[in-house]
């Protein structure tokens, strides 16, 4: 049997402690929208999103201002918000190209509080896990304890987060069960021992390597086995904390906080199992991992000092994910005939595999450029008698959009918490009673 070809997909990650600030007017350079090859997945982790009680409740009813800006920026480029999880000021958002959405499955999220002995969520971790073309990925966004002298507490918090976060998945119930884990956020590790003059001189001269051996996270990796499983790119960019807002000048306040690489992105590939005495035994964690490995390489690890709304600068990490796709489509959607608001419309769907459908599944009509699964023009439920077989569904003309445009149908799986199929793009024509002025 000929092995399936490997595919390289592009992952763009951002971590940013936004210091309760409102977002800047433009985040295009942060997202590097003009990069080639184009990004396939965006994973954005924010810390200290404004979470005062009135604002937090408002954000639970509708999206927060940061999510709005990211969706408004990415949707016109063909990226759709897949999911998000928020715990007070911690926010983790996943975006993907539409073509990948049907292969992002089994999405689950969770969170852990570590503030005030675990009762307050100003510190802690939020995570999202999912299957991506059959590969189990987990993203963990953390905000750990602050201040120079709390390095050991930060480690304790990280281990507590790992111990308490679990998922309702038989094969990946905990974070480290996933094939790839990305750990990122405001991890708050500082640069120990060096005085302010040496720190600033090294930074100003671009001699960051002089500071690496006193970076607390780097020092911790030498003695903490759990950290030795993680990889991180070289810190060849300015420490990202603490800046005067709207400047590239380090803290000039009375506190004069020392610069530090508080904001980090690390990753972990699931280790191979330890060899047994049986020479014929497998050395990989599973036969599946051996047959379908995933390779992670980092293209870029940097910060963007041009953004000044916070006393932290955002950190960007871009990665190549090299993998063999091992998932196939679950459902097909076929549009029947001509669509306009003048008549009822018909489409059919076909379940191709053993897809666990639900009577709560639905099929939405989406205008191209839509932002998320809930951003539909109209939708139809999958009825009881249509769940287990091929189905024909009608949408009433009264529910169809009056104005013309390019649309797709999307099948939303309640069990998988995502859109698992799309129709080809098609046009909905103008309603004949709509007057369109001539230019």
Protein backbone atom coordinates (compact mmCIF):
# COMPACT_ATOMS: atom_id res chain seq x y z
CA UNK A 1 0.00 0.00 0.00
CA UNK A 2 1.33 3.44 -0.93
CA UNK A 3 1.66 5.71 2.10
CA UNK A 4 -0.38 8.89 2.09
CA UNK A 5 1.58 12.01 1.22
CA UNK A 6 2.50 14.36 4.01
CA UNK A 7 1.02 17.86 4.13
CA UNK A 8 2.59 20.94 5.70
CA UNK A 9 0.11 23.27 7.38
CA UNK A 10 0.89 26.70 8.78
CA UNK A 11 0.12 27.61 12.40
CA UNK A 12 0.29 31.22 13.62
CA UNK A 13 0.22 31.76 17.40
CA UNK A 14 0.04 34.96 19.42
CA UNK A 15 0.28 35.52 23.16
CA UNK A 16 -0.34 38.97 24.58
CA UNK A 17 -1.03 40.33 28.03
CA UNK A 18 -3.23 43.25 27.00
CA UNK A 19 -3.33 44.89 30.42
CA UNK A 20 -7.15 45.46 30.41
CA UNK A 21 -6.71 47.78 27.41
CA UNK A 22 -9.07 48.11 24.49
CA UNK A 23 -7.67 46.66 21.27
CA UNK A 24 -5.72 48.80 18.80
CA UNK A 25 -7.38 49.90 15.58
CA UNK A 26 -5.43 47.44 13.42
CA UNK A 27 -3.94 44.01 14.14
CA UNK A 28 -3.06 43.03 10.59
CA UNK A 29 0.70 43.14 11.18
CA UNK A 30 0.25 41.06 14.35
CA UNK A 31 -1.51 38.39 12.29
CA UNK A 32 0.89 38.73 9.33
CA UNK A 33 -1.96 38.39 6.87
CA UNK A 34 0.28 38.90 3.86
CA UNK A 35 2.64 36.04 4.74
CA UNK A 36 3.23 33.23 2.24
CA UNK A 37 2.32 30.46 2.38
CA UNK A 38 -0.90 31.60 3.95
CA UNK A 39 -1.69 30.61 7.53
CA UNK A 40 -4.02 27.64 8.04
CA UNK A 41 -4.70 27.99 11.78
CA UNK A 42 -4.59 31.00 14.09
CA UNK A 43 -4.42 30.41 17.84
CA UNK A 44 -4.50 33.59 19.91
CA UNK A 45 -4.09 33.66 23.67
CA UNK A 46 -4.74 36.86 25.61
CA UNK A 47 -4.28 37.65 29.26
CA UNK A 48 -5.79 40.48 31.33
CA UNK A 49 -8.70 41.12 28.99
CA UNK A 50 -10.88 43.67 30.79
CA UNK A 51 -12.94 41.61 33.23
CA UNK A 52 -14.56 44.11 35.57
CA UNK A 53 -17.97 42.71 36.57
CA UNK A 54 -20.15 44.85 34.29
CA UNK A 55 -17.85 44.38 31.31
CA UNK A 56 -17.44 40.64 31.89
CA UNK A 57 -21.19 40.03 32.01
CA UNK A 58 -21.61 42.10 28.84
CA UNK A 59 -18.91 40.04 27.11
CA UNK A 60 -20.67 36.80 28.07
CA UNK A 61 -23.81 38.04 26.31
CA UNK A 62 -21.94 39.14 23.20
CA UNK A 63 -18.35 38.82 22.06
CA UNK A 64 -15.67 40.90 23.78
CA UNK A 65 -14.01 43.76 21.86
CA UNK A 66 -10.84 41.74 21.16
CA UNK A 67 -12.78 38.85 19.66
CA UNK A 68 -14.82 41.28 17.57
CA UNK A 69 -11.69 42.90 16.15
CA UNK A 70 -10.05 39.56 15.38
CA UNK A 71 -13.18 38.22 13.66
CA UNK A 72 -13.66 41.45 11.70
CA UNK A 73 -10.04 41.26 10.54
CA UNK A 74 -9.85 37.55 9.73
CA UNK A 75 -13.32 36.83 8.29
CA UNK A 76 -12.80 38.80 5.06
CA UNK A 77 -9.62 36.74 4.53
CA UNK A 78 -11.58 33.48 4.75
CA UNK A 79 -10.85 32.56 8.38
CA UNK A 80 -13.66 31.40 10.64
CA UNK A 81 -13.73 31.41 14.42
CA UNK A 82 -13.85 27.74 15.41
CA UNK A 83 -14.13 28.07 19.19
CA UNK A 84 -13.03 30.11 22.17
CA UNK A 85 -12.77 29.74 25.93
CA UNK A 86 -12.61 32.50 28.51
CA UNK A 87 -11.94 32.61 32.24
CA UNK A 88 -12.15 36.20 33.48
CA UNK A 89 -9.19 37.93 31.81
CA UNK A 90 -7.82 34.81 30.09
CA UNK A 91 -9.04 34.27 26.52
CA UNK A 92 -8.08 31.61 23.96
CA UNK A 93 -9.46 31.77 20.41
CA UNK A 94 -9.01 29.39 17.47
CA UNK A 95 -9.51 30.43 13.83
CA UNK A 96 -9.14 28.26 10.73
CA UNK A 97 -9.56 28.43 6.99
CA UNK A 98 -12.97 27.16 5.93
CA UNK A 99 -11.43 24.22 4.09
CA UNK A 100 -10.06 22.83 7.37
CA UNK A 101 -13.18 23.18 9.51
CA UNK A 102 -14.69 19.77 8.64
CA UNK A 103 -11.49 18.14 9.89
CA UNK A 104 -11.33 19.97 13.22
CA UNK A 105 -13.36 17.64 15.41
CA UNK A 106 -14.06 16.66 19.00
CA UNK A 107 -13.49 20.18 20.29
CA UNK A 108 -13.43 20.53 24.06
CA UNK A 109 -12.25 23.29 26.36
CA UNK A 110 -11.64 23.68 30.06
CA UNK A 111 -10.09 26.08 32.57
CA UNK A 112 -8.32 26.10 35.93
CA UNK A 113 -8.22 28.92 38.48
CA UNK A 114 -5.05 29.44 40.51
CA UNK A 115 -5.68 32.93 41.93
CA UNK A 116 -6.57 33.18 45.64
CA UNK A 117 -5.76 29.52 46.30
CA UNK A 118 -7.79 28.37 43.30
CA UNK A 119 -10.93 30.39 44.00
CA UNK A 120 -10.25 33.30 41.66
CA UNK A 121 -9.63 33.24 37.93
CA UNK A 122 -7.34 36.23 37.51
CA UNK A 123 -4.55 33.66 37.20
CA UNK A 124 -4.64 30.11 35.88
CA UNK A 125 -5.02 28.38 32.53
CA UNK A 126 -7.56 27.89 29.75
CA UNK A 127 -7.19 25.18 27.14
CA UNK A 128 -8.73 23.93 23.92
CA UNK A 129 -8.20 20.45 22.53
CA UNK A 130 -9.32 19.02 19.20
CA UNK A 131 -8.58 16.46 16.54
CA UNK A 132 -6.96 18.04 13.47
CA UNK A 133 -7.03 15.63 10.53
CA UNK A 134 -6.94 12.87 13.14
CA UNK A 135 -4.02 14.31 15.14
CA UNK A 136 -4.78 15.23 18.75
CA UNK A 137 -3.67 18.79 19.55
CA UNK A 138 -4.00 20.77 22.77
CA UNK A 139 -3.38 24.50 23.33
CA UNK A 140 -2.92 25.73 26.91
CA UNK A 141 -2.91 29.50 27.58
CA UNK A 142 -1.66 30.37 31.08
CA UNK A 143 -1.22 33.43 33.26
CA UNK A 144 0.98 32.43 36.18
CA UNK A 145 1.98 34.15 39.42
CA UNK A 146 3.89 37.41 39.08
CA UNK A 147 7.10 38.80 40.68
CA UNK A 148 10.73 37.75 40.67
CA UNK A 149 10.66 35.55 43.79
CA UNK A 150 7.75 33.32 42.75
CA UNK A 151 9.43 31.05 40.20
CA UNK A 152 8.72 27.92 42.25
CA UNK A 153 5.09 28.96 42.71
CA UNK A 154 4.79 29.34 38.94
CA UNK A 155 5.97 25.76 38.54
CA UNK A 156 3.52 24.60 41.20
CA UNK A 157 0.69 26.39 39.39
CA UNK A 158 1.65 24.87 36.06
CA UNK A 159 1.70 21.36 37.52
CA UNK A 160 -1.63 22.00 39.27
CA UNK A 161 -3.17 23.12 35.98
CA UNK A 162 -1.94 19.97 34.25
CA UNK A 163 -3.25 17.77 37.08
CA UNK A 164 -6.72 19.33 37.18
CA UNK A 165 -7.51 19.78 33.51
CA UNK A 166 -9.24 16.78 31.95
CA UNK A 167 -11.34 16.10 28.88
CA UNK A 168 -14.18 13.73 28.17
CA UNK A 169 -12.12 11.82 25.60
CA UNK A 170 -11.21 8.17 26.04
CA UNK A 171 -7.86 8.48 24.24
CA UNK A 172 -6.79 11.93 25.46
CA UNK A 173 -8.29 12.53 28.92
CA UNK A 174 -5.44 14.80 30.04
CA UNK A 175 -3.30 17.51 28.47
CA UNK A 176 -0.15 15.39 28.09
CA UNK A 177 -2.07 12.59 26.35
CA UNK A 178 -2.22 14.73 23.21
CA UNK A 179 0.20 14.22 20.37
CA UNK A 180 1.23 17.90 20.44
CA UNK A 181 0.76 20.39 23.29
CA UNK A 182 1.40 24.11 22.91
CA UNK A 183 1.94 25.89 26.24
CA UNK A 184 1.96 29.65 26.01
CA UNK A 185 0.89 32.84 27.72
CA UNK A 186 2.17 35.30 30.32
CA UNK A 187 4.19 32.70 32.20
CA UNK A 188 5.78 35.51 34.23
CA UNK A 189 9.28 34.06 34.51
CA UNK A 190 11.87 36.78 35.06
CA UNK A 191 15.58 37.38 34.46
CA UNK A 192 17.36 36.75 37.78
CA UNK A 193 20.48 38.29 39.35
CA UNK A 194 21.54 40.76 36.65
CA UNK A 195 21.38 44.43 37.54
CA UNK A 196 19.34 46.95 35.58
CA UNK A 197 22.37 48.51 33.86
CA UNK A 198 23.64 45.16 32.53
CA UNK A 199 20.13 44.17 31.43
CA UNK A 200 19.47 47.33 29.48
CA UNK A 201 22.97 47.43 28.00
CA UNK A 202 22.63 43.83 26.74
CA UNK A 203 19.18 44.56 25.29
CA UNK A 204 20.20 47.82 23.62
CA UNK A 205 23.17 46.09 21.99
CA UNK A 206 21.08 43.12 20.85
CA UNK A 207 23.17 40.74 22.94
CA UNK A 208 20.21 38.77 24.25
CA UNK A 209 22.31 35.63 24.63
CA UNK A 210 24.04 37.21 27.63
CA UNK A 211 20.73 37.01 29.50
CA UNK A 212 19.60 33.51 28.57
CA UNK A 213 21.38 31.64 31.37
CA UNK A 214 19.62 33.76 34.02
CA UNK A 215 16.16 33.46 32.49
CA UNK A 216 14.15 31.66 35.17
CA UNK A 217 12.30 29.38 32.76
CA UNK A 218 15.56 28.34 31.10
CA UNK A 219 17.06 27.69 34.54
CA UNK A 220 14.01 25.69 35.61
CA UNK A 221 14.26 23.47 32.52
CA UNK A 222 17.62 22.18 33.77
CA UNK A 223 16.09 20.68 36.91
CA UNK A 224 12.38 20.16 36.22
CA UNK A 225 11.75 16.97 34.23
CA UNK A 226 8.32 18.13 33.16
CA UNK A 227 9.83 21.17 31.44
CA UNK A 228 12.54 19.17 29.71
CA UNK A 229 9.87 17.65 27.45
CA UNK A 230 9.08 21.11 26.03
CA UNK A 231 10.87 22.87 23.21
CA UNK A 232 11.20 26.61 22.70
CA UNK A 233 12.82 28.76 20.05
CA UNK A 234 15.75 31.02 20.85
CA UNK A 235 14.91 34.26 22.64
CA UNK A 236 16.35 36.48 19.91
CA UNK A 237 13.96 39.36 20.56
CA UNK A 238 13.62 42.03 23.19
CA UNK A 239 12.18 41.04 26.56
CA UNK A 240 8.49 41.81 26.26
CA UNK A 241 7.87 43.29 29.74
CA UNK A 242 7.67 45.93 31.17
CA UNK A 243 7.20 48.90 28.78
CA UNK A 244 5.74 52.35 29.18
CA UNK A 245 2.47 52.24 27.28
CA UNK A 246 2.50 53.52 23.70
CA UNK A 247 6.28 53.47 23.59
CA UNK A 248 9.27 51.21 23.08
CA UNK A 249 10.82 52.41 26.34
CA UNK A 250 11.14 50.11 29.32
CA UNK A 251 9.46 51.04 32.59
CA UNK A 252 10.33 54.59 33.70
CA UNK A 253 7.90 54.61 36.64
CA UNK A 254 9.09 54.69 40.22
CA UNK A 255 9.05 50.87 40.32
CA UNK A 256 11.41 50.57 37.34
CA UNK A 257 10.61 46.90 36.81
CA UNK A 258 13.39 44.86 35.23
CA UNK A 259 12.76 43.75 31.63
CA UNK A 260 11.85 40.07 31.29
CA UNK A 261 10.71 37.48 28.77
CA UNK A 262 7.44 36.90 30.61
CA UNK A 263 5.49 36.03 27.45
CA UNK A 264 6.41 32.69 25.89
CA UNK A 265 5.37 29.96 23.46
CA UNK A 266 6.59 26.39 23.99
CA UNK A 267 5.56 23.05 22.54
CA UNK A 268 5.78 19.39 23.44
CA UNK A 269 5.67 16.33 21.19
CA UNK A 270 4.32 13.27 22.99
CA UNK A 271 7.41 11.21 23.88
CA UNK A 272 7.93 7.71 22.64
CA UNK A 273 7.27 4.98 25.16
CA UNK A 274 10.24 3.62 27.06
CA UNK A 275 11.80 0.51 25.57
CA UNK A 276 10.97 -2.76 27.27
CA UNK A 277 13.22 -5.81 27.49
CA UNK A 278 11.34 -7.34 24.58
CA UNK A 279 13.36 -6.40 21.52
CA UNK A 280 10.30 -6.76 19.33
CA UNK A 281 8.19 -4.35 21.38
CA UNK A 282 7.17 -1.00 19.94
CA UNK A 283 9.11 2.04 21.09
CA UNK A 284 6.39 4.51 20.16
CA UNK A 285 3.51 5.62 22.36
CA UNK A 286 1.10 3.82 20.03
CA UNK A 287 1.02 2.16 16.66
CA UNK A 288 -1.10 5.05 15.46
CA UNK A 289 1.56 7.60 16.44
CA UNK A 290 4.15 5.55 14.58
CA UNK A 291 2.09 5.30 11.42
CA UNK A 292 0.85 8.89 11.56
CA UNK A 293 3.61 11.00 13.12
CA UNK A 294 3.49 14.78 13.25
CA UNK A 295 6.52 17.02 12.91
CA UNK A 296 6.56 20.53 14.36
CA UNK A 297 9.13 23.09 13.24
CA UNK A 298 9.19 26.73 14.21
CA UNK A 299 9.60 29.32 11.47
CA UNK A 300 9.50 32.46 13.58
CA UNK A 301 9.64 33.45 17.23
CA UNK A 302 9.55 37.17 17.85
CA UNK A 303 7.70 40.06 19.41
CA UNK A 304 6.04 43.05 17.76
CA UNK A 305 7.18 46.17 19.60
CA UNK A 306 4.98 48.46 17.47
CA UNK A 307 1.92 47.71 19.61
CA UNK A 308 1.73 49.91 22.69
CA UNK A 309 -1.72 49.56 24.26
CA UNK A 310 -0.26 47.37 27.03
CA UNK A 311 2.90 47.27 29.14
CA UNK A 312 3.60 43.91 27.46
CA UNK A 313 4.51 43.46 23.80
CA UNK A 314 2.78 40.63 21.91
CA UNK A 315 4.81 37.52 21.09
CA UNK A 316 4.35 35.71 17.77
CA UNK A 317 5.27 32.12 16.98
CA UNK A 318 4.77 30.57 13.55
CA UNK A 319 5.07 26.85 12.93
CA UNK A 320 5.00 24.22 10.21
CA UNK A 321 2.89 21.19 11.11
CA UNK A 322 3.95 18.32 8.87
CA UNK A 323 1.48 15.45 8.96
CA UNK A 324 -0.38 12.81 7.05
CA UNK A 325 -4.09 13.47 6.97
CA UNK A 326 -6.04 10.49 8.26
CA UNK A 327 -9.58 11.82 8.32
CA UNK A 328 -12.10 11.81 5.50
CA UNK A 329 -15.28 13.80 4.98
CA UNK A 330 -18.29 12.82 7.07
CA UNK A 331 -21.12 14.55 5.20
CA UNK A 332 -21.73 16.03 1.75
CA UNK A 333 -24.17 18.83 1.02
CA UNK A 334 -25.68 19.36 -2.43
CA UNK A 335 -27.58 22.47 -3.47
CA UNK A 336 -30.59 21.82 -5.70
CA UNK A 337 -31.70 24.25 -8.42
CA UNK A 338 -31.75 28.04 -8.40
CA UNK A 339 -31.82 29.93 -5.10
CA UNK A 340 -33.58 33.25 -4.50
CA UNK A 341 -36.11 34.66 -2.04
CA UNK A 342 -38.81 34.17 -4.70
CA UNK A 343 -39.23 30.46 -3.97
CA UNK A 344 -38.51 27.78 -1.42
CA UNK A 345 -35.06 26.21 -1.77
CA UNK A 346 -34.04 22.58 -1.53
CA UNK A 347 -30.79 20.84 -0.70
CA UNK A 348 -29.72 17.33 0.19
CA UNK A 349 -27.12 15.90 2.50
CA UNK A 350 -25.48 12.49 2.60
CA UNK A 351 -23.70 10.94 5.56
CA UNK A 352 -20.58 9.27 4.19
CA UNK A 353 -19.18 7.56 7.28
CA UNK A 354 -20.30 6.33 10.66
CA UNK A 355 -21.11 9.85 11.79
CA UNK A 356 -22.86 10.15 15.13
CA UNK A 357 -25.64 12.53 14.13
CA UNK A 358 -28.09 14.18 16.48
CA UNK A 359 -31.58 15.62 16.23
CA UNK A 360 -29.96 18.85 17.42
CA UNK A 361 -27.77 19.06 14.31
CA UNK A 362 -28.60 21.86 11.93
CA UNK A 363 -27.62 23.17 8.51
CA UNK A 364 -26.93 26.86 8.12
CA UNK A 365 -26.83 29.16 5.12
CA UNK A 366 -23.68 31.28 5.31
CA UNK A 367 -22.70 34.31 3.27
CA UNK A 368 -19.05 34.09 2.18
CA UNK A 369 -17.02 36.06 4.69
CA UNK A 370 -18.97 34.73 7.67
CA UNK A 371 -17.24 34.91 11.05
CA UNK A 372 -18.34 31.85 13.00
CA UNK A 373 -20.79 28.95 13.06
CA UNK A 374 -23.43 31.21 14.60
CA UNK A 375 -23.06 33.84 11.86
CA UNK A 376 -25.65 32.27 9.53
CA UNK A 377 -28.32 33.98 7.43
CA UNK A 378 -30.83 31.24 8.20
CA UNK A 379 -30.80 27.59 9.20
CA UNK A 380 -32.85 24.40 9.12
CA UNK A 381 -32.92 21.61 11.69
CA UNK A 382 -32.06 18.08 10.70
CA UNK A 383 -35.34 16.33 11.45
CA UNK A 384 -35.75 13.13 13.46
CA UNK A 385 -36.47 10.89 10.50
CA UNK A 386 -33.53 12.27 8.52
CA UNK A 387 -30.75 11.87 11.06
CA UNK A 388 -29.59 8.35 10.24
CA UNK A 389 -29.94 8.48 6.47
CA UNK A 390 -29.66 10.72 3.45
CA UNK A 391 -31.90 13.73 3.77
CA UNK A 392 -33.66 16.32 1.68
CA UNK A 393 -34.28 19.62 3.44
CA UNK A 394 -36.25 22.68 2.42
CA UNK A 395 -35.68 26.29 3.39
CA UNK A 396 -38.66 28.59 3.15
CA UNK A 397 -38.40 31.50 0.76
CA UNK A 398 -39.42 33.73 3.65
CA UNK A 399 -36.19 32.82 5.43
CA UNK A 400 -33.82 33.32 2.49
CA UNK A 401 -31.77 36.53 2.16
CA UNK A 402 -33.28 39.18 -0.11
CA UNK A 403 -29.96 40.43 -1.46
CA UNK A 404 -27.75 38.47 -3.82
CA UNK A 405 -24.37 37.05 -2.91
CA UNK A 406 -22.12 34.03 -2.69
CA UNK A 407 -23.13 31.51 -0.03
CA UNK A 408 -22.34 28.05 1.31
CA UNK A 409 -24.36 25.57 3.32
CA UNK A 410 -22.71 24.25 6.47
CA UNK A 411 -23.65 21.17 8.52
CA UNK A 412 -23.20 21.78 12.27
CA UNK A 413 -22.63 18.70 14.43
CA UNK A 414 -23.80 19.16 18.02
CA UNK A 415 -21.77 16.16 19.16
CA UNK A 416 -18.56 17.47 17.63
CA UNK A 417 -19.34 21.14 18.40
CA UNK A 418 -18.28 22.30 14.96
CA UNK A 419 -19.20 22.61 11.29
CA UNK A 420 -18.30 19.25 9.75
CA UNK A 421 -19.27 19.84 6.10
CA UNK A 422 -19.78 22.58 3.55
CA UNK A 423 -21.45 22.68 0.17
CA UNK A 424 -19.67 24.16 -2.82
CA UNK A 425 -20.09 27.94 -3.05
CA UNK A 426 -23.25 29.00 -4.89
CA UNK A 427 -25.17 32.17 -5.63
CA UNK A 428 -28.40 33.40 -4.14
CA UNK A 429 -30.01 35.73 -6.67
CA UNK A 430 -31.71 39.06 -6.07
CA UNK A 431 -35.30 38.94 -4.96
CA UNK A 432 -37.21 40.17 -8.03
CA UNK A 433 -39.01 42.81 -5.98
CA UNK A 434 -35.80 44.36 -4.70
CA UNK A 435 -34.97 47.58 -6.57
CA UNK A 436 -31.24 47.90 -7.24
CA UNK A 437 -30.30 51.44 -8.30
CA UNK A 438 -28.05 51.78 -11.31
CA UNK A 439 -24.77 53.63 -10.95
